[in-house]
Protein backbone atom coordinates (compact mmCIF):
# COMPACT_ATOMS: atom_id res chain seq x y z
CA UNK A 1 22.73 3.46 -1.87
CA UNK A 2 19.80 3.20 -4.27
CA UNK A 3 16.29 4.51 -3.72
CA UNK A 4 13.41 3.51 -5.98
CA UNK A 5 10.07 5.31 -6.25
CA UNK A 6 6.54 4.21 -7.02
CA UNK A 7 2.97 5.48 -6.82
CA UNK A 8 -0.56 4.43 -6.01
CA UNK A 9 -3.12 2.88 -8.36
CA UNK A 10 -3.84 5.48 -11.07
CA UNK A 11 -1.46 6.50 -13.88
CA UNK A 12 -2.46 10.05 -14.74
CA UNK A 13 -0.07 10.22 -17.70
CA UNK A 14 -1.76 7.20 -19.24
CA UNK A 15 -5.00 7.54 -21.22
CA UNK A 16 -7.78 5.70 -19.36
CA UNK A 17 -5.27 5.00 -16.60
CA UNK A 18 -7.69 4.35 -13.76
CA UNK A 19 -8.30 0.73 -12.64
CA UNK A 20 -10.95 1.91 -10.15
CA UNK A 21 -14.07 1.37 -12.22
CA UNK A 22 -16.85 0.41 -9.84
CA UNK A 23 -20.57 0.62 -9.11
CA UNK A 24 -22.45 1.54 -5.97
CA UNK A 25 -24.58 -0.99 -4.11
CA UNK A 26 -27.59 1.26 -4.66
CA UNK A 27 -27.15 1.24 -8.44
CA UNK A 28 -26.43 -2.47 -8.53
CA UNK A 29 -29.63 -3.14 -6.61
CA UNK A 30 -31.55 -1.45 -9.42
CA UNK A 31 -30.65 -4.43 -11.62
CA UNK A 32 -33.45 -6.87 -10.86
CA UNK A 33 -31.91 -10.07 -12.23
CA UNK A 34 -29.11 -11.41 -9.96
CA UNK A 35 -27.15 -12.84 -12.87
CA UNK A 36 -27.20 -9.47 -14.62
CA UNK A 37 -25.75 -7.91 -11.47
CA UNK A 38 -22.87 -10.35 -11.63
CA UNK A 39 -22.44 -9.60 -15.33
CA UNK A 40 -22.08 -5.90 -14.48
CA UNK A 41 -19.40 -6.70 -11.90
CA UNK A 42 -17.76 -9.08 -14.34
CA UNK A 43 -17.43 -6.37 -17.03
CA UNK A 44 -16.02 -3.84 -14.56
CA UNK A 45 -13.53 -6.35 -13.17
CA UNK A 46 -12.32 -7.24 -16.66
CA UNK A 47 -11.83 -3.55 -17.43
CA UNK A 48 -9.90 -2.98 -14.18
CA UNK A 49 -7.63 -5.98 -14.72
CA UNK A 50 -6.91 -4.93 -18.30
CA UNK A 51 -6.11 -1.38 -17.19
CA UNK A 52 -3.83 -2.68 -14.44
CA UNK A 53 -1.73 -4.62 -16.93
CA UNK A 54 -1.48 -1.52 -19.14
CA UNK A 55 -0.31 0.48 -16.12
CA UNK A 56 2.36 -2.08 -15.28
CA UNK A 57 3.65 -1.92 -18.85
CA UNK A 58 3.72 1.88 -18.64
CA UNK A 59 5.60 1.62 -15.36
CA UNK A 60 8.24 -0.69 -16.80
CA UNK A 61 8.72 1.66 -19.75
CA UNK A 62 9.45 4.43 -17.24
CA UNK A 63 11.64 2.44 -14.82
CA UNK A 64 8.99 2.45 -12.09
CA UNK A 65 9.48 -0.74 -10.11
CA UNK A 66 7.00 -0.07 -7.30
CA UNK A 67 3.24 -0.04 -7.68
CA UNK A 68 0.28 -0.25 -5.33
CA UNK A 69 -2.83 -2.01 -6.59
CA UNK A 70 -6.18 -0.42 -5.99
CA UNK A 71 -8.41 -2.33 -3.57
CA UNK A 72 -11.25 -1.83 -6.07
CA UNK A 73 -9.91 -4.19 -8.72
CA UNK A 74 -12.93 -6.41 -8.09
CA UNK A 75 -15.84 -4.03 -7.34
CA UNK A 76 -17.83 -4.82 -4.18
CA UNK A 77 -15.88 -8.06 -3.80
CA UNK A 78 -16.49 -8.24 -0.04
CA UNK A 79 -20.14 -7.15 -0.16
CA UNK A 80 -22.92 -9.79 0.06
CA UNK A 81 -24.48 -8.42 -3.12
CA UNK A 82 -21.45 -9.69 -5.05
CA UNK A 83 -21.74 -13.24 -3.75
CA UNK A 84 -22.25 -15.97 -6.30
CA UNK A 85 -19.34 -15.79 -8.69
CA UNK A 86 -15.68 -16.80 -8.56
CA UNK A 87 -13.60 -13.91 -9.86
CA UNK A 88 -10.30 -15.77 -9.21
CA UNK A 89 -11.35 -18.66 -11.43
CA UNK A 90 -13.19 -16.72 -14.14
CA UNK A 91 -10.22 -14.42 -14.69
CA UNK A 92 -7.53 -16.99 -13.92
CA UNK A 93 -5.65 -16.37 -17.19
CA UNK A 94 -5.70 -12.59 -16.70
CA UNK A 95 -4.53 -12.77 -13.07
CA UNK A 96 -1.73 -15.12 -14.06
CA UNK A 97 -0.67 -12.82 -16.90
CA UNK A 98 -0.31 -9.95 -14.42
CA UNK A 99 1.64 -12.20 -12.08
CA UNK A 100 4.00 -13.34 -14.83
CA UNK A 101 4.63 -9.75 -15.85
CA UNK A 102 5.41 -8.73 -12.26
CA UNK A 103 7.82 -11.62 -11.81
CA UNK A 104 9.46 -11.22 -15.22
CA UNK A 105 10.30 -7.57 -14.55
CA UNK A 106 10.93 -8.02 -10.81
CA UNK A 107 8.34 -5.42 -9.85
CA UNK A 108 7.44 -4.77 -6.23
CA UNK A 109 3.68 -4.58 -5.80
CA UNK A 110 1.47 -4.00 -2.80
CA UNK A 111 -2.02 -3.08 -1.69
CA UNK A 112 -3.42 -1.11 1.24
CA UNK A 113 -6.69 -2.49 2.62
CA UNK A 114 -9.08 0.23 3.75
CA UNK A 115 -9.02 1.93 7.14
CA UNK A 116 -11.93 -0.16 8.39
CA UNK A 117 -9.72 -3.25 8.34
CA UNK A 118 -9.29 -3.28 12.13
CA UNK A 119 -7.51 -6.30 13.55
CA UNK A 120 -7.54 -4.92 17.10
CA UNK A 121 -11.28 -4.35 17.35
CA UNK A 122 -13.00 -5.87 20.41
CA UNK A 123 -16.08 -6.53 18.26
CA UNK A 124 -16.25 -9.95 16.65
CA UNK A 125 -18.16 -8.69 13.62
CA UNK A 126 -15.56 -5.98 12.91
CA UNK A 127 -12.71 -8.47 13.18
CA UNK A 128 -14.56 -10.90 10.91
CA UNK A 129 -15.06 -8.16 8.31
CA UNK A 130 -11.37 -7.23 8.54
CA UNK A 131 -10.27 -10.82 7.92
CA UNK A 132 -12.77 -11.08 5.07
CA UNK A 133 -11.21 -8.01 3.44
CA UNK A 134 -7.67 -9.30 3.95
CA UNK A 135 -8.71 -12.62 2.46
CA UNK A 136 -9.99 -10.80 -0.65
CA UNK A 137 -6.64 -9.08 -1.13
CA UNK A 138 -4.67 -12.28 -0.55
CA UNK A 139 -6.93 -14.17 -2.94
CA UNK A 140 -6.02 -11.71 -5.71
CA UNK A 141 -2.30 -12.03 -4.97
CA UNK A 142 -2.60 -15.81 -4.95
CA UNK A 143 -4.47 -15.69 -8.27
CA UNK A 144 -1.45 -13.81 -9.64
CA UNK A 145 0.71 -16.66 -8.24
CA UNK A 146 2.83 -14.14 -6.34
CA UNK A 147 4.95 -15.48 -3.46
CA UNK A 148 3.75 -15.01 0.12
CA UNK A 149 5.87 -12.01 1.08
CA UNK A 150 4.99 -8.60 2.59
CA UNK A 151 2.53 -6.99 0.18
CA UNK A 152 -0.38 -5.73 2.29
CA UNK A 153 -0.01 -2.57 4.37
CA UNK A 154 -2.31 -2.15 7.35
CA UNK A 155 -2.56 0.13 10.36
CA UNK A 156 -2.74 -1.12 13.93
CA UNK A 157 -6.33 0.06 14.27
CA UNK A 158 -8.41 1.91 16.84
CA UNK A 159 -7.58 3.13 20.33
CA UNK A 160 -10.62 1.70 22.12
CA UNK A 161 -9.91 3.84 25.21
CA UNK A 162 -6.69 2.09 26.31
CA UNK A 163 -3.70 1.82 23.98
CA UNK A 164 -1.88 -0.98 25.87
CA UNK A 165 -5.02 -3.14 25.83
CA UNK A 166 -5.65 -2.39 22.15
CA UNK A 167 -2.04 -3.30 21.28
CA UNK A 168 -2.24 -6.54 23.27
CA UNK A 169 -5.45 -7.44 21.46
CA UNK A 170 -3.79 -6.71 18.11
CA UNK A 171 -0.93 -9.06 18.96
CA UNK A 172 -3.34 -11.85 19.90
CA UNK A 173 -5.52 -11.47 16.82
CA UNK A 174 -2.59 -10.94 14.45
CA UNK A 175 -0.96 -14.16 15.63
CA UNK A 176 -4.21 -16.07 15.06
CA UNK A 177 -4.39 -15.12 11.39
CA UNK A 178 -3.85 -17.86 8.81
CA UNK A 179 -0.26 -17.96 7.57
CA UNK A 180 -1.40 -17.13 4.01
CA UNK A 181 -2.60 -13.75 5.32
CA UNK A 182 -0.14 -13.08 8.13
CA UNK A 183 2.97 -13.60 6.01
CA UNK A 184 1.84 -10.89 3.57
CA UNK A 185 1.28 -8.12 6.13
CA UNK A 186 3.25 -4.96 6.90
CA UNK A 187 2.42 -2.45 9.64
CA UNK A 188 2.42 1.32 9.20
CA UNK A 189 2.44 4.12 11.76
CA UNK A 190 -0.65 6.33 11.54
CA UNK A 191 -1.33 10.04 11.84
CA UNK A 192 -3.44 10.04 15.02
CA UNK A 193 -2.95 7.10 17.40
CA UNK A 194 -0.05 4.71 16.86
CA UNK A 195 3.32 6.44 16.53
CA UNK A 196 6.40 5.16 14.75
CA UNK A 197 7.73 4.00 18.14
CA UNK A 198 4.49 2.15 18.91
CA UNK A 199 4.51 0.36 15.56
CA UNK A 200 8.23 -0.41 15.68
CA UNK A 201 7.84 -2.14 19.04
CA UNK A 202 4.80 -3.99 17.76
CA UNK A 203 6.63 -5.15 14.64
CA UNK A 204 9.53 -6.36 16.76
CA UNK A 205 7.07 -8.32 18.90
CA UNK A 206 5.11 -10.04 16.13
CA UNK A 207 7.94 -10.31 13.59
CA UNK A 208 6.34 -8.09 10.98
CA UNK A 209 8.05 -5.54 8.68
CA UNK A 210 7.39 -1.87 9.43
CA UNK A 211 6.49 0.65 6.74
CA UNK A 212 7.59 4.05 7.97
CA UNK A 213 5.27 6.87 6.94
CA UNK A 214 7.22 10.13 7.20
CA UNK A 215 4.15 12.37 6.92
CA UNK A 216 2.30 10.42 9.60
CA UNK A 217 5.32 10.74 11.87
CA UNK A 218 5.20 14.52 11.43
CA UNK A 219 1.52 14.41 12.44
CA UNK A 220 1.87 11.98 15.34
CA UNK A 221 5.03 11.65 17.42
CA UNK A 222 6.42 12.26 20.88
CA UNK A 223 9.59 14.00 19.77
CA UNK A 224 11.50 11.05 18.33
CA UNK A 225 14.11 11.61 15.63
CA UNK A 226 13.56 9.34 12.64
CA UNK A 227 17.31 9.03 12.17
CA UNK A 228 17.44 7.26 15.54
CA UNK A 229 14.57 4.91 14.65
CA UNK A 230 15.60 4.05 11.10
CA UNK A 231 18.27 1.42 11.92
CA UNK A 232 15.78 -0.58 14.02
CA UNK A 233 13.08 -0.20 11.35
CA UNK A 234 15.50 -1.60 8.77
CA UNK A 235 16.02 -4.68 10.94
CA UNK A 236 12.29 -5.51 10.88
CA UNK A 237 12.75 -6.25 7.18
CA UNK A 238 15.44 -8.88 7.81
CA UNK A 239 17.22 -9.24 4.45
CA UNK A 240 14.52 -7.51 2.39
CA UNK A 241 14.61 -3.93 1.12
CA UNK A 242 12.66 -1.61 3.46
CA UNK A 243 9.81 0.50 2.14
CA UNK A 244 8.54 3.86 3.31
CA UNK A 245 5.55 6.05 2.50
CA UNK A 246 6.06 9.63 1.40
CA UNK A 247 3.56 12.48 1.15
CA UNK A 248 3.37 16.18 1.91
CA UNK A 249 0.69 17.94 3.95
CA UNK A 250 -1.99 19.66 1.90
CA UNK A 251 -1.74 22.85 3.97
CA UNK A 252 -1.10 24.08 7.49
CA UNK A 253 -4.82 23.86 8.24
CA UNK A 254 -5.21 20.46 6.55
CA UNK A 255 -1.91 19.02 7.67
CA UNK A 256 -3.00 15.39 7.73
CA UNK A 257 -4.37 15.47 4.18
CA UNK A 258 -2.12 14.62 1.24
CA UNK A 259 -0.96 17.33 -1.13
CA UNK A 260 -0.97 17.04 -4.91
CA UNK A 261 2.82 16.82 -5.07
CA UNK A 262 5.81 16.13 -2.83
CA UNK A 263 7.57 19.16 -1.39
CA UNK A 264 11.30 18.48 -1.42
CA UNK A 265 11.84 19.72 2.20
CA UNK A 266 9.46 16.98 3.38
CA UNK A 267 11.80 14.27 2.11
CA UNK A 268 15.36 15.60 2.04
CA UNK A 269 16.02 15.54 5.82
CA UNK A 270 15.07 11.86 6.01
CA UNK A 271 17.00 11.02 2.86
CA UNK A 272 20.10 12.72 4.25
CA UNK A 273 19.80 10.84 7.55
CA UNK A 274 19.08 7.51 5.85
CA UNK A 275 22.23 7.85 3.76
CA UNK A 276 24.27 7.19 6.89
CA UNK A 277 22.97 3.60 7.00
CA UNK A 278 23.88 2.87 3.36
CA UNK A 279 20.73 0.77 3.08
CA UNK A 280 18.77 0.71 -0.18
CA UNK A 281 15.08 1.42 0.31
CA UNK A 282 11.90 1.94 -1.70
CA UNK A 283 9.53 4.89 -1.55
CA UNK A 284 5.79 4.72 -2.17
CA UNK A 285 4.58 8.21 -3.08
CA UNK A 286 1.12 8.98 -1.71
CA UNK A 287 0.39 12.21 -3.56
CA UNK A 288 -2.79 13.18 -5.37
CA UNK A 289 -0.93 13.67 -8.63
CA UNK A 290 0.26 10.04 -8.63
CA UNK A 291 2.88 9.34 -11.32
CA UNK A 292 3.06 13.04 -12.21
CA UNK A 293 4.09 13.81 -8.63
CA UNK A 294 6.70 11.06 -8.87
CA UNK A 295 8.34 12.55 -11.95
CA UNK A 296 8.28 16.06 -10.52
CA UNK A 297 10.03 14.81 -7.40
CA UNK A 298 12.62 12.99 -9.52
CA UNK A 299 13.30 16.18 -11.47
CA UNK A 300 13.71 18.09 -8.20
CA UNK A 301 15.98 15.46 -6.63
CA UNK A 302 18.42 15.23 -9.51
CA UNK A 303 19.23 18.91 -9.04
CA UNK A 304 20.51 18.25 -5.52
CA UNK A 305 24.30 17.83 -5.21
CA UNK A 306 25.23 14.26 -4.28
CA UNK A 307 22.10 12.73 -5.81
CA UNK A 308 22.36 10.95 -9.15
CA UNK A 309 19.31 9.93 -11.15
CA UNK A 310 20.32 6.57 -12.59
CA UNK A 311 16.92 5.62 -14.04
CA UNK A 312 13.69 7.52 -14.55
CA UNK A 313 12.40 6.57 -11.10
CA UNK A 314 15.61 5.54 -9.32
CA UNK A 315 18.28 7.63 -7.62
CA UNK A 316 21.68 6.82 -6.20
CA UNK A 317 23.44 8.54 -3.32
């Protein structure tokens, strides 16, 4: 059984390794000429795309096959102030270069639209904004000419007083999404409202892969054992390799917040249980120290009997 590891957005070991260069609406509004505003966004976008390709090359050099794009690749892309330019077309060559690199090295990439992307909202304007944000993410993936497969992680959304009603509304609105969006979605359990059981049942209903978040399960559960849920979660992926999210709590008082690194006891019990299924899976590390946290975890794991580090960011059990 092989387990691969990746990280989110920023490569801390890489000089100028942040692809999150952006500008606030307030500062952009200080630029009086509309075309100059677009030029500012254009320069930032070019810098972010260039940095992203550098990060992917760094990842390949270090056997890191998983990577999550920042949602800020195109600053303010979904804000009205950014209307008036076609970032997919203007940077077509750059997007395609990233896509070719991903496909050539068989990398697994993803993105995680922000928490305000609420598909189960009863408010039309909130749903419209959520679809607008998803469309932005899909547009980038399409510009990279990546196949329509699960690449966007979202949460179920809000509670809106009654969970059964909110879940039913999610199902309705999820099924009404355009195929180009729906086929790229994955659902993740959250740390407050929708448990792993809730999301598993929902994924089974709508035919969507489930991303298990171990930390969120520790925050929000009704006593379920992940070892009992894992076989059914695997099945939501059909013949694809499942993916999970891994983080450690910042502290006992800030349990929901992510720590800088991964504490080995927060992963080993799941890893031991998952071994029984003999199913390869991928791990997205959501730690503040990004790639540095990944390498620390790898160094810790290879000291455990029965775990073999076969590449810099891959283990075998």
